Amino acid sequence: MIDEKLLAKIRKLDLDDRAVLVHTIWDEMAAEMRKTPLTKAQMAELQRRLDKYGDSMEGISWEEVQRELIKKERQTSPRGKAGRNQP
């Protein structure tokens, strides 16, 4: 549970300082996680994926994922092909 006084201080920081804080915390968490060994279940899953996919770079590009998501959104949106910016 987070200390409410600490949270209040964080909220008073300007956006740039909060971004630096988040980045710093994230980096520290990542460093800690690298020190933590994987569980047997995680190792087994990793091995399963390596066996299945290997070092393959197969897949689709991020640009293709974006195009497909936009296409799907337009098909399911109540505004249809008019797009989000249309009334």
C-alpha atoms as a PDB file:
ATOM      1  CA  MET A   1       0.000   0.000   0.000  1.00  0.00           C
ATOM      2  CA  ILE A   2       1.315   3.422  -0.896  1.00  0.00           C
ATOM      3  CA  ASP A   3       1.826   6.188   1.643  1.00  0.00           C
ATOM      4  CA  GLU A   4      -0.804   8.877   0.956  1.00  0.00           C
ATOM      5  CA  LYS A   5       1.608  11.662   1.955  1.00  0.00           C
ATOM      6  CA  LEU A   6       4.127  10.382  -0.550  1.00  0.00           C
ATOM      7  CA  LEU A   7       1.453  10.150  -3.222  1.00  0.00           C
ATOM      8  CA  ALA A   8       0.394  13.748  -2.512  1.00  0.00           C
ATOM      9  CA  LYS A   9       4.004  14.902  -2.954  1.00  0.00           C
ATOM     10  CA  ILE A  10       4.276  13.007  -6.236  1.00  0.00           C
ATOM     11  CA  ARG A  11       1.084  14.619  -7.530  1.00  0.00           C
ATOM     12  CA  LYS A  12       2.576  18.067  -6.855  1.00  0.00           C
ATOM     13  CA  LEU A  13       5.522  17.363  -9.162  1.00  0.00           C
ATOM     14  CA  ASP A  14       5.343  18.823 -12.638  1.00  0.00           C
ATOM     15  CA  LEU A  15       4.827  16.464 -15.559  1.00  0.00           C
ATOM     16  CA  ASP A  16       8.515  16.293 -16.518  1.00  0.00           C
ATOM     17  CA  ASP A  17       9.568  15.398 -12.980  1.00  0.00           C
ATOM     18  CA  ARG A  18       6.865  12.731 -12.732  1.00  0.00           C
ATOM     19  CA  ALA A  19       8.044  11.283 -16.047  1.00  0.00           C
ATOM     20  CA  VAL A  20      11.624  11.115 -14.727  1.00  0.00           C
ATOM     21  CA  LEU A  21      10.343   9.476 -11.539  1.00  0.00           C
ATOM     22  CA  VAL A  22       8.395   6.844 -13.467  1.00  0.00           C
ATOM     23  CA  HIS A  23      11.375   6.161 -15.735  1.00  0.00           C
ATOM     24  CA  THR A  24      13.685   5.798 -12.726  1.00  0.00           C
ATOM     25  CA  ILE A  25      11.305   3.465 -10.910  1.00  0.00           C
ATOM     26  CA  TRP A  26      10.797   1.394 -14.074  1.00  0.00           C
ATOM     27  CA  ASP A  27      14.555   1.039 -14.596  1.00  0.00           C
ATOM     28  CA  GLU A  28      15.061  -0.012 -10.978  1.00  0.00           C
ATOM     29  CA  MET A  29      12.281  -2.583 -11.236  1.00  0.00           C
ATOM     30  CA  ALA A  30      13.771  -3.969 -14.450  1.00  0.00           C
ATOM     31  CA  ALA A  31      17.185  -4.269 -12.790  1.00  0.00           C
ATOM     32  CA  GLU A  32      15.646  -6.155  -9.862  1.00  0.00           C
ATOM     33  CA  MET A  33      13.729  -8.449 -12.168  1.00  0.00           C
ATOM     34  CA  ARG A  34      16.917  -9.351 -14.047  1.00  0.00           C
ATOM     35  CA  LYS A  35      18.376 -10.533 -10.725  1.00  0.00           C
ATOM     36  CA  THR A  36      15.343 -12.710  -9.964  1.00  0.00           C
ATOM     37  CA  PRO A  37      15.619 -16.203 -11.433  1.00  0.00           C
ATOM     38  CA  LEU A  38      12.766 -17.531 -13.524  1.00  0.00           C
ATOM     39  CA  THR A  39      10.492 -20.105 -11.947  1.00  0.00           C
ATOM     40  CA  LYS A  40      10.404 -23.658 -13.304  1.00  0.00           C
ATOM     41  CA  ALA A  41       7.054 -22.882 -14.930  1.00  0.00           C
ATOM     42  CA  GLN A  42       8.465 -19.760 -16.609  1.00  0.00           C
ATOM     43  CA  MET A  43      11.510 -21.694 -17.831  1.00  0.00           C
ATOM     44  CA  ALA A  44       9.268 -24.441 -19.202  1.00  0.00           C
ATOM     45  CA  GLU A  45       7.111 -21.889 -21.026  1.00  0.00           C
ATOM     46  CA  LEU A  46      10.160 -20.157 -22.437  1.00  0.00           C
ATOM     47  CA  GLN A  47      11.528 -23.474 -23.651  1.00  0.00           C
ATOM     48  CA  ARG A  48       8.151 -24.371 -25.179  1.00  0.00           C
ATOM     49  CA  ARG A  49       8.096 -21.102 -27.113  1.00  0.00           C
ATOM     50  CA  LEU A  50      11.700 -21.488 -28.230  1.00  0.00           C
ATOM     51  CA  ASP A  51      10.927 -25.003 -29.429  1.00  0.00           C
ATOM     52  CA  LYS A  52       7.867 -23.790 -31.297  1.00  0.00           C
ATOM     53  CA  TYR A  53       9.211 -20.546 -32.758  1.00  0.00           C
ATOM     54  CA  GLY A  54      12.976 -20.734 -32.367  1.00  0.00           C
ATOM     55  CA  ASP A  55      14.733 -17.578 -33.414  1.00  0.00           C
ATOM     56  CA  SER A  56      12.203 -17.053 -36.163  1.00  0.00           C
ATOM     57  CA  MET A  57      11.364 -13.503 -37.102  1.00  0.00           C
ATOM     58  CA  GLU A  58       8.138 -14.638 -38.712  1.00  0.00           C
ATOM     59  CA  GLY A  59       5.095 -12.559 -38.059  1.00  0.00           C
ATOM     60  CA  ILE A  60       3.654  -9.288 -39.240  1.00  0.00           C
ATOM     61  CA  SER A  61       5.033  -5.797 -38.952  1.00  0.00           C
ATOM     62  CA  TRP A  62       3.746  -3.214 -36.498  1.00  0.00           C
ATOM     63  CA  GLU A  63       2.486  -1.193 -39.448  1.00  0.00           C
ATOM     64  CA  GLU A  64       0.359  -4.146 -40.596  1.00  0.00           C
ATOM     65  CA  VAL A  65      -1.005  -4.603 -37.060  1.00  0.00           C
ATOM     66  CA  GLN A  66      -1.981  -0.922 -37.013  1.00  0.00           C
ATOM     67  CA  ARG A  67      -3.674  -1.153 -40.418  1.00  0.00           C
ATOM     68  CA  GLU A  68      -5.651  -4.217 -39.351  1.00  0.00           C
ATOM     69  CA  LEU A  69      -6.745  -2.578 -36.097  1.00  0.00           C
ATOM     70  CA  ILE A  70      -7.857   0.585 -37.892  1.00  0.00           C
ATOM     71  CA  LYS A  71      -9.728  -1.493 -40.464  1.00  0.00           C
ATOM     72  CA  LYS A  72     -11.435  -3.518 -37.724  1.00  0.00           C
ATOM     73  CA  GLU A  73     -12.328  -0.354 -35.789  1.00  0.00           C
ATOM     74  CA  ARG A  74     -13.930   1.173 -38.878  1.00  0.00           C
ATOM     75  CA  GLN A  75     -15.929  -1.976 -39.516  1.00  0.00           C
ATOM     76  CA  THR A  76     -17.258  -2.192 -35.959  1.00  0.00           C
ATOM     77  CA  SER A  77     -17.635   1.508 -35.182  1.00  0.00           C
ATOM     78  CA  PRO A  78     -21.200   2.902 -35.166  1.00  0.00           C
ATOM     79  CA  ARG A  79     -19.858   5.661 -37.400  1.00  0.00           C
ATOM     80  CA  GLY A  80     -18.534   3.122 -39.819  1.00  0.00           C
ATOM     81  CA  LYS A  81     -16.189   4.405 -42.469  1.00  0.00           C
ATOM     82  CA  ALA A  82     -16.832   8.025 -41.582  1.00  0.00           C
ATOM     83  CA  GLY A  83     -14.049   7.840 -39.005  1.00  0.00           C
ATOM     84  CA  ARG A  84     -13.710   9.121 -35.503  1.00  0.00           C
ATOM     85  CA  ASN A  85     -13.541  12.811 -36.317  1.00  0.00           C
ATOM     86  CA  GLN A  86     -16.837  12.912 -38.090  1.00  0.00           C
ATOM     87  CA  PRO A  87     -20.049  13.849 -36.203  1.00  0.00           C
END
